[in-house]
């Protein structure tokens, strides 16, 4: 499957996405995949979107993909299997707290699996690395805690998590790149995360496709994904490759969301290229119901779907338009009322676009 946001400040380094409940599993350890209690949900919500208040959060919690919860004995090696088929092998002595290996009790391990654009869009996540659009083979987020306290982001020396990820949409590619989430902070800015090529010492950033699976080791908690830069469309003029596009929302019922949902907003504007597992968010707002892509981040001549949605006071709105991108493009989208089920269906339909 081709490669692909986690928007989803110290705590956000270890978690990029909103978290909510999980279903019951058959594992004999206590509370395996058990529903998250209200306190846990609220804590995770604060981890991902500190200071945010948009109603989109409630939509993500109800209709978005859910974290799966596993209780891990840190003294034992263990392999877990996620709902969409990903296997994660966790070695004994992998987790640390304040620089010390955890050797007793249980570690609560929450992991989110995002195989496609539908799940990403229903969690407020996109596949941008700065101004580079990524085509994704899967995204993940991992949070580990002991008695409600986040463990260290980096695993113990010599330890790593082994991922075996199904090649959900085979393309014949034999290798891909490993990206991780990085938080950027600036004066007066909300905490935001971005995807970047893994640069951690001792971490291999090449992911091989072996036996129909993407296999890699990851030495940090937080977000990771398997991606390649999205290929440009055939160009008649190779000198005109990228451009900036602007979308006006005349009847926007909400407030435009920042990157990966930072800033407490509830209106998302997405750009989905045809035939790729890639999803860009337009989030540079001029404060006048107008939003732009990052400068020169959109290929010219690309078939794509513009899709905007908003969740306000329990009400839902959606607008969409299929386009072919042109230099300096400016489009207008008109919201129409909808319901949560229809919005969910429209976001899931990005998987087959």
Protein backbone atom coordinates (compact mmCIF):
# COMPACT_ATOMS: atom_id res chain seq x y z
CA UNK A 1 0.00 0.00 0.00
CA UNK A 2 1.24 3.41 -0.84
CA UNK A 3 2.45 5.70 1.92
CA UNK A 4 0.98 8.57 3.50
CA UNK A 5 -1.02 13.90 9.87
CA UNK A 6 0.02 12.43 13.59
CA UNK A 7 -1.50 16.91 14.98
CA UNK A 8 -2.22 14.16 16.53
CA UNK A 9 4.20 20.44 25.22
CA UNK A 10 6.40 17.84 26.84
CA UNK A 11 3.65 15.22 26.90
CA UNK A 12 2.77 15.77 23.24
CA UNK A 13 6.25 14.52 22.37
CA UNK A 14 5.02 11.05 23.16
CA UNK A 15 1.53 11.22 21.71
CA UNK A 16 0.23 12.77 18.52
CA UNK A 17 -3.33 11.76 18.30
CA UNK A 18 -6.59 11.75 20.23
CA UNK A 19 -7.28 8.65 22.27
CA UNK A 20 -10.47 6.90 23.19
CA UNK A 21 -11.89 3.52 24.14
CA UNK A 22 -10.99 0.00 23.02
CA UNK A 23 -12.89 -3.28 22.81
CA UNK A 24 -12.51 -6.33 25.00
CA UNK A 25 -9.90 -8.88 23.93
CA UNK A 26 -9.12 -12.46 24.87
CA UNK A 27 -5.67 -11.92 26.36
CA UNK A 28 -5.42 -13.34 29.89
CA UNK A 29 -3.64 -10.29 31.31
CA UNK A 30 -5.95 -7.90 33.21
CA UNK A 31 -7.84 -5.15 31.37
CA UNK A 32 -6.49 -6.21 27.98
CA UNK A 33 -8.24 -4.07 25.35
CA UNK A 34 -10.71 -3.02 28.02
CA UNK A 35 -12.84 0.11 27.52
CA UNK A 36 -11.01 3.22 28.66
CA UNK A 37 -12.59 4.92 31.64
CA UNK A 38 -13.61 8.57 31.56
CA UNK A 39 -10.53 9.71 33.47
CA UNK A 40 -8.22 7.94 31.01
CA UNK A 41 -10.05 9.41 28.01
CA UNK A 42 -9.79 12.90 29.44
CA UNK A 43 -6.09 12.48 30.19
CA UNK A 44 -5.37 11.29 26.67
CA UNK A 45 -7.41 14.13 25.25
CA UNK A 46 -5.22 16.59 27.13
CA UNK A 47 -2.07 14.81 25.96
CA UNK A 48 -2.95 15.28 22.33
CA UNK A 49 -4.81 18.57 22.17
CA UNK A 50 -3.88 20.70 25.16
CA UNK A 51 -5.87 23.93 24.97
CA UNK A 52 -8.10 22.70 22.16
CA UNK A 53 -11.86 22.96 22.42
CA UNK A 54 -13.35 22.17 19.03
CA UNK A 55 -16.32 19.85 18.70
CA UNK A 56 -14.27 17.83 16.20
CA UNK A 57 -12.70 16.16 19.25
CA UNK A 58 -16.04 14.62 20.16
CA UNK A 59 -16.45 13.34 16.59
CA UNK A 60 -12.97 11.77 16.62
CA UNK A 61 -13.66 10.10 19.96
CA UNK A 62 -16.96 8.64 18.76
CA UNK A 63 -16.31 7.84 15.09
CA UNK A 64 -12.54 7.85 14.70
CA UNK A 65 -10.18 4.87 14.92
CA UNK A 66 -9.52 3.76 18.47
CA UNK A 67 -6.41 2.99 20.44
CA UNK A 68 -5.95 -0.60 21.58
CA UNK A 69 -4.77 -1.14 25.14
CA UNK A 70 -2.47 -3.91 26.34
CA UNK A 71 -1.14 -4.55 29.85
CA UNK A 72 2.51 -5.55 29.50
CA UNK A 73 4.64 -7.34 32.09
CA UNK A 74 7.96 -5.49 31.50
CA UNK A 75 9.96 -8.54 32.68
CA UNK A 76 8.69 -10.71 29.80
CA UNK A 77 8.99 -10.54 26.02
CA UNK A 78 5.64 -10.34 24.28
CA UNK A 79 4.11 -10.03 20.80
CA UNK A 80 0.78 -8.29 20.37
CA UNK A 81 -1.47 -8.25 17.31
CA UNK A 82 -3.56 -5.22 16.34
CA UNK A 83 -7.00 -5.27 14.73
CA UNK A 84 -5.75 -4.54 11.22
CA UNK A 85 -3.08 -7.24 11.41
CA UNK A 86 0.04 -5.41 12.59
CA UNK A 87 2.24 -7.42 14.97
CA UNK A 88 4.48 -5.65 17.48
CA UNK A 89 7.12 -7.60 19.40
CA UNK A 90 8.09 -6.03 22.73
CA UNK A 91 11.28 -7.38 24.32
CA UNK A 92 11.73 -7.79 28.06
CA UNK A 93 13.23 -4.74 29.76
CA UNK A 94 12.17 -2.38 26.95
CA UNK A 95 10.58 0.44 28.96
CA UNK A 96 12.29 3.01 31.15
CA UNK A 97 11.01 5.57 33.64
CA UNK A 98 13.29 8.49 34.47
CA UNK A 99 16.20 6.68 32.87
CA UNK A 100 15.73 3.44 34.84
CA UNK A 101 14.54 0.15 33.32
CA UNK A 102 11.10 -0.82 34.64
CA UNK A 103 11.33 -4.26 36.24
CA UNK A 104 8.08 -4.68 38.16
CA UNK A 105 4.35 -4.07 37.91
CA UNK A 106 2.53 -3.63 34.59
CA UNK A 107 3.03 -1.14 31.78
CA UNK A 108 -0.13 0.12 30.07
CA UNK A 109 0.63 0.18 26.34
CA UNK A 110 -1.79 2.07 24.05
CA UNK A 111 -1.26 1.85 20.31
CA UNK A 112 -3.18 3.33 17.39
CA UNK A 113 -3.06 1.77 13.91
CA UNK A 114 -3.89 3.96 10.88
CA UNK A 115 -3.76 2.02 7.60
CA UNK A 116 -5.57 4.41 5.24
CA UNK A 117 -6.88 7.91 4.51
CA UNK A 118 -10.29 7.22 6.00
CA UNK A 119 -8.87 6.43 9.43
CA UNK A 120 -6.47 9.36 9.26
CA UNK A 121 -9.19 11.83 8.26
CA UNK A 122 -11.39 10.56 11.10
CA UNK A 123 -8.60 11.32 13.56
CA UNK A 124 -7.52 14.74 12.25
CA UNK A 125 -4.16 13.44 10.98
CA UNK A 126 -2.43 14.11 7.66
CA UNK A 127 0.65 12.92 5.80
CA UNK A 128 2.73 16.05 5.43
CA UNK A 129 6.41 16.29 6.32
CA UNK A 130 6.80 20.05 6.29
CA UNK A 131 5.86 21.05 2.73
CA UNK A 132 6.41 17.52 1.39
CA UNK A 133 3.36 15.36 0.75
CA UNK A 134 3.92 11.74 1.84
CA UNK A 135 2.34 8.61 0.40
CA UNK A 136 1.81 6.25 3.33
CA UNK A 137 2.06 2.52 4.02
CA UNK A 138 0.72 2.97 7.55
CA UNK A 139 0.92 5.24 10.57
CA UNK A 140 1.05 4.41 14.28
CA UNK A 141 1.08 6.12 17.64
CA UNK A 142 2.24 4.54 20.90
CA UNK A 143 1.80 5.69 24.50
CA UNK A 144 3.10 3.73 27.49
CA UNK A 145 2.32 4.60 31.10
CA UNK A 146 2.88 3.25 34.60
CA UNK A 147 0.22 4.25 37.13
CA UNK A 148 -0.83 7.06 34.80
CA UNK A 149 2.70 8.43 34.34
CA UNK A 150 4.24 8.44 30.87
CA UNK A 151 7.36 6.30 30.60
CA UNK A 152 10.46 7.64 28.82
CA UNK A 153 10.04 8.26 25.12
CA UNK A 154 13.21 6.35 24.22
CA UNK A 155 13.36 2.63 24.95
CA UNK A 156 16.11 1.05 27.02
CA UNK A 157 19.55 0.79 25.35
CA UNK A 158 19.70 -2.16 22.99
CA UNK A 159 15.91 -2.55 22.97
CA UNK A 160 13.49 -1.84 20.11
CA UNK A 161 9.94 -2.64 19.08
CA UNK A 162 9.75 -4.94 16.06
CA UNK A 163 6.84 -4.04 13.73
CA UNK A 164 5.51 -6.43 11.10
CA UNK A 165 2.95 -4.41 9.14
CA UNK A 166 0.73 -5.91 6.41
CA UNK A 167 1.29 -4.47 2.96
CA UNK A 168 -2.32 -3.32 2.89
CA UNK A 169 -2.17 -2.11 -0.73
CA UNK A 170 0.70 -3.88 -2.49
CA UNK A 171 2.60 -1.83 -5.05
CA UNK A 172 5.65 -4.00 -5.66
CA UNK A 173 7.89 -1.59 -3.78
CA UNK A 174 10.63 -3.44 -1.90
CA UNK A 175 11.66 -0.71 0.55
CA UNK A 176 10.27 2.46 2.04
CA UNK A 177 11.24 5.16 4.54
CA UNK A 178 10.58 5.37 8.26
CA UNK A 179 9.31 8.68 9.62
CA UNK A 180 8.69 9.78 13.20
CA UNK A 181 6.73 12.53 14.85
CA UNK A 182 8.57 15.66 15.90
CA UNK A 183 7.15 18.48 17.99
CA UNK A 184 8.00 22.04 17.02
CA UNK A 185 7.49 24.82 19.53
CA UNK A 186 7.73 28.56 19.01
CA UNK A 187 6.93 31.68 20.99
CA UNK A 188 3.19 32.18 21.09
CA UNK A 189 2.51 29.04 19.06
CA UNK A 190 0.51 25.97 19.92
CA UNK A 191 2.50 22.76 20.19
CA UNK A 192 2.40 21.03 16.82
CA UNK A 193 3.95 17.90 15.46
CA UNK A 194 5.34 17.13 12.07
CA UNK A 195 6.59 14.00 10.33
CA UNK A 196 10.30 13.80 9.58
CA UNK A 197 12.70 11.10 8.45
CA UNK A 198 14.00 9.19 11.46
CA UNK A 199 17.33 10.67 12.50
CA UNK A 200 17.80 9.08 15.93
CA UNK A 201 21.28 7.60 16.41
CA UNK A 202 21.14 3.85 16.00
CA UNK A 203 17.78 3.90 14.23
CA UNK A 204 17.57 2.48 10.70
CA UNK A 205 15.26 4.60 8.55
CA UNK A 206 14.92 2.08 5.70
CA UNK A 207 11.91 -0.26 5.95
CA UNK A 208 12.13 -3.47 3.88
CA UNK A 209 9.14 -5.30 2.44
CA UNK A 210 9.63 -8.93 3.41
CA UNK A 211 7.12 -11.65 2.67
CA UNK A 212 4.33 -9.17 1.95
CA UNK A 213 4.91 -7.22 5.17
CA UNK A 214 6.73 -4.03 6.07
CA UNK A 215 9.20 -4.97 8.80
CA UNK A 216 11.10 -2.47 10.93
CA UNK A 217 12.40 -1.79 14.43
CA UNK A 218 11.57 1.41 16.31
CA UNK A 219 13.46 2.61 19.38
CA UNK A 220 11.13 5.42 20.49
CA UNK A 221 7.54 5.68 21.64
CA UNK A 222 5.27 8.25 20.03
CA UNK A 223 4.34 8.38 16.37
CA UNK A 224 5.90 6.60 13.44
CA UNK A 225 4.89 5.90 9.87
CA UNK A 226 6.16 4.23 6.70
CA UNK A 227 6.23 6.67 3.81
CA UNK A 228 7.74 7.89 0.61
CA UNK A 229 7.39 11.38 -0.87
CA UNK A 230 4.33 11.34 -3.12
CA UNK A 231 5.19 11.11 -6.83
CA UNK A 232 4.35 14.14 -9.00
CA UNK A 233 1.83 13.76 -11.83
CA UNK A 234 3.05 13.74 -15.45
CA UNK A 235 4.07 17.29 -16.27
CA UNK A 236 4.02 19.05 -19.63
CA UNK A 237 6.28 21.75 -18.26
CA UNK A 238 8.77 20.32 -15.75
CA UNK A 239 9.66 23.83 -14.57
CA UNK A 240 6.16 24.26 -13.14
CA UNK A 241 5.92 21.57 -10.50
CA UNK A 242 4.56 22.99 -7.23
CA UNK A 243 2.17 25.74 -6.33
CA UNK A 244 0.14 27.21 -3.46
CA UNK A 245 -3.63 26.82 -3.48
CA UNK A 246 -6.22 28.80 -1.54
CA UNK A 247 -9.73 27.76 -0.48
CA UNK A 248 -12.45 30.18 0.59
CA UNK A 249 -15.21 28.96 2.93
CA UNK A 250 -17.93 31.66 2.72
CA UNK A 251 -20.33 29.96 5.14
CA UNK A 252 -17.81 28.29 7.44
CA UNK A 253 -19.76 27.42 10.61
CA UNK A 254 -16.67 26.92 12.76
CA UNK A 255 -13.03 27.91 13.22
CA UNK A 256 -10.31 26.62 10.90
CA UNK A 257 -8.09 24.01 12.54
CA UNK A 258 -4.35 24.48 12.78
CA UNK A 259 -1.88 21.84 11.68
CA UNK A 260 -2.98 18.41 12.93
CA UNK A 261 -5.79 20.12 14.80
CA UNK A 262 -3.75 22.43 17.03
CA UNK A 263 -5.43 25.59 18.23
CA UNK A 264 -8.78 24.22 19.37
CA UNK A 265 -10.74 24.39 16.12
CA UNK A 266 -13.40 22.36 14.42
CA UNK A 267 -13.17 22.98 10.65
CA UNK A 268 -10.73 20.84 8.66
CA UNK A 269 -9.80 21.44 5.00
CA UNK A 270 -8.20 18.44 3.30
CA UNK A 271 -6.63 17.73 -0.08
CA UNK A 272 -6.64 14.07 -1.17
CA UNK A 273 -4.69 13.22 -4.37
CA UNK A 274 -6.36 10.57 -6.52
CA UNK A 275 -4.92 7.08 -6.25
CA UNK A 276 -2.52 7.75 -3.37
CA UNK A 277 -2.66 7.05 0.35
CA UNK A 278 -1.77 10.69 0.93
CA UNK A 279 -3.66 13.41 2.75
CA UNK A 280 -2.71 17.08 2.99
CA UNK A 281 -4.29 19.61 5.32
CA UNK A 282 -4.75 23.25 4.35
CA UNK A 283 -4.37 25.20 7.58
CA UNK A 284 -2.73 28.58 6.89
CA UNK A 285 -5.65 30.88 7.62
CA UNK A 286 -5.90 34.61 6.97
CA UNK A 287 -8.67 34.92 9.56
CA UNK A 288 -11.33 35.62 6.94
CA UNK A 289 -12.65 32.09 6.27
CA UNK A 290 -9.86 31.58 3.79
CA UNK A 291 -7.15 28.97 4.09
CA UNK A 292 -4.07 28.13 2.03
CA UNK A 293 -1.70 25.24 1.59
CA UNK A 294 1.90 25.62 2.62
CA UNK A 295 3.78 27.65 -0.01
CA UNK A 296 4.65 25.57 -3.08
CA UNK A 297 3.58 22.31 -1.47
CA UNK A 298 0.97 21.18 -4.05
CA UNK A 299 1.82 19.55 -7.37
CA UNK A 300 0.42 21.25 -10.46
CA UNK A 301 -1.68 19.00 -12.69
CA UNK A 302 -2.78 16.67 -9.91
CA UNK A 303 -6.25 15.15 -9.79
CA UNK A 304 -7.42 15.64 -6.24
CA UNK A 305 -10.45 16.01 -3.99
CA UNK A 306 -10.92 19.02 -1.77
CA UNK A 307 -12.96 18.06 1.27
CA UNK A 308 -13.83 20.33 4.17
CA UNK A 309 -15.83 19.37 7.23
CA UNK A 310 -16.87 21.01 10.47
CA UNK A 311 -18.40 19.87 13.75
CA UNK A 312 -20.07 22.65 15.75
CA UNK A 313 -22.37 22.33 18.76
CA UNK A 314 -23.28 18.77 17.85
CA UNK A 315 -24.02 19.68 14.22
CA UNK A 316 -22.04 18.52 11.18
CA UNK A 317 -21.26 20.21 7.87
CA UNK A 318 -19.38 19.09 4.77
CA UNK A 319 -18.21 20.50 1.43
CA UNK A 320 -16.23 18.82 -1.35
CA UNK A 321 -15.07 19.35 -4.91
CA UNK A 322 -12.94 17.33 -7.33
CA UNK A 323 -10.27 19.43 -9.01
CA UNK A 324 -7.18 19.38 -11.19
CA UNK A 325 -4.63 21.61 -9.51
CA UNK A 326 -3.34 24.63 -11.40
CA UNK A 327 -0.80 27.33 -10.63
CA UNK A 328 -2.10 29.76 -8.01
CA UNK A 329 -5.45 27.96 -7.80
CA UNK A 330 -8.25 29.51 -5.74
CA UNK A 331 -11.43 27.57 -5.00
CA UNK A 332 -14.59 28.18 -2.99
CA UNK A 333 -16.36 25.49 -0.99
CA UNK A 334 -19.92 25.83 0.33
CA UNK A 335 -20.83 23.85 3.44
CA UNK A 336 -24.06 21.87 3.59
CA UNK A 337 -25.58 20.35 6.74
CA UNK A 338 -25.04 16.62 7.19
CA UNK A 339 -24.94 14.04 9.96
CA UNK A 340 -22.15 12.05 11.58
CA UNK A 341 -22.90 8.87 9.62
CA UNK A 342 -22.79 10.66 6.26
CA UNK A 343 -19.61 12.53 7.20
CA UNK A 344 -17.97 9.26 8.23
CA UNK A 345 -18.96 7.65 4.92
CA UNK A 346 -17.51 10.58 2.95
CA UNK A 347 -14.20 10.39 4.82
CA UNK A 348 -14.00 6.63 4.35
CA UNK A 349 -14.73 7.09 0.64
CA UNK A 350 -11.29 8.75 0.33
CA UNK A 351 -9.88 5.22 0.48
CA UNK A 352 -11.29 4.39 -2.95
CA UNK A 353 -10.78 7.80 -4.56
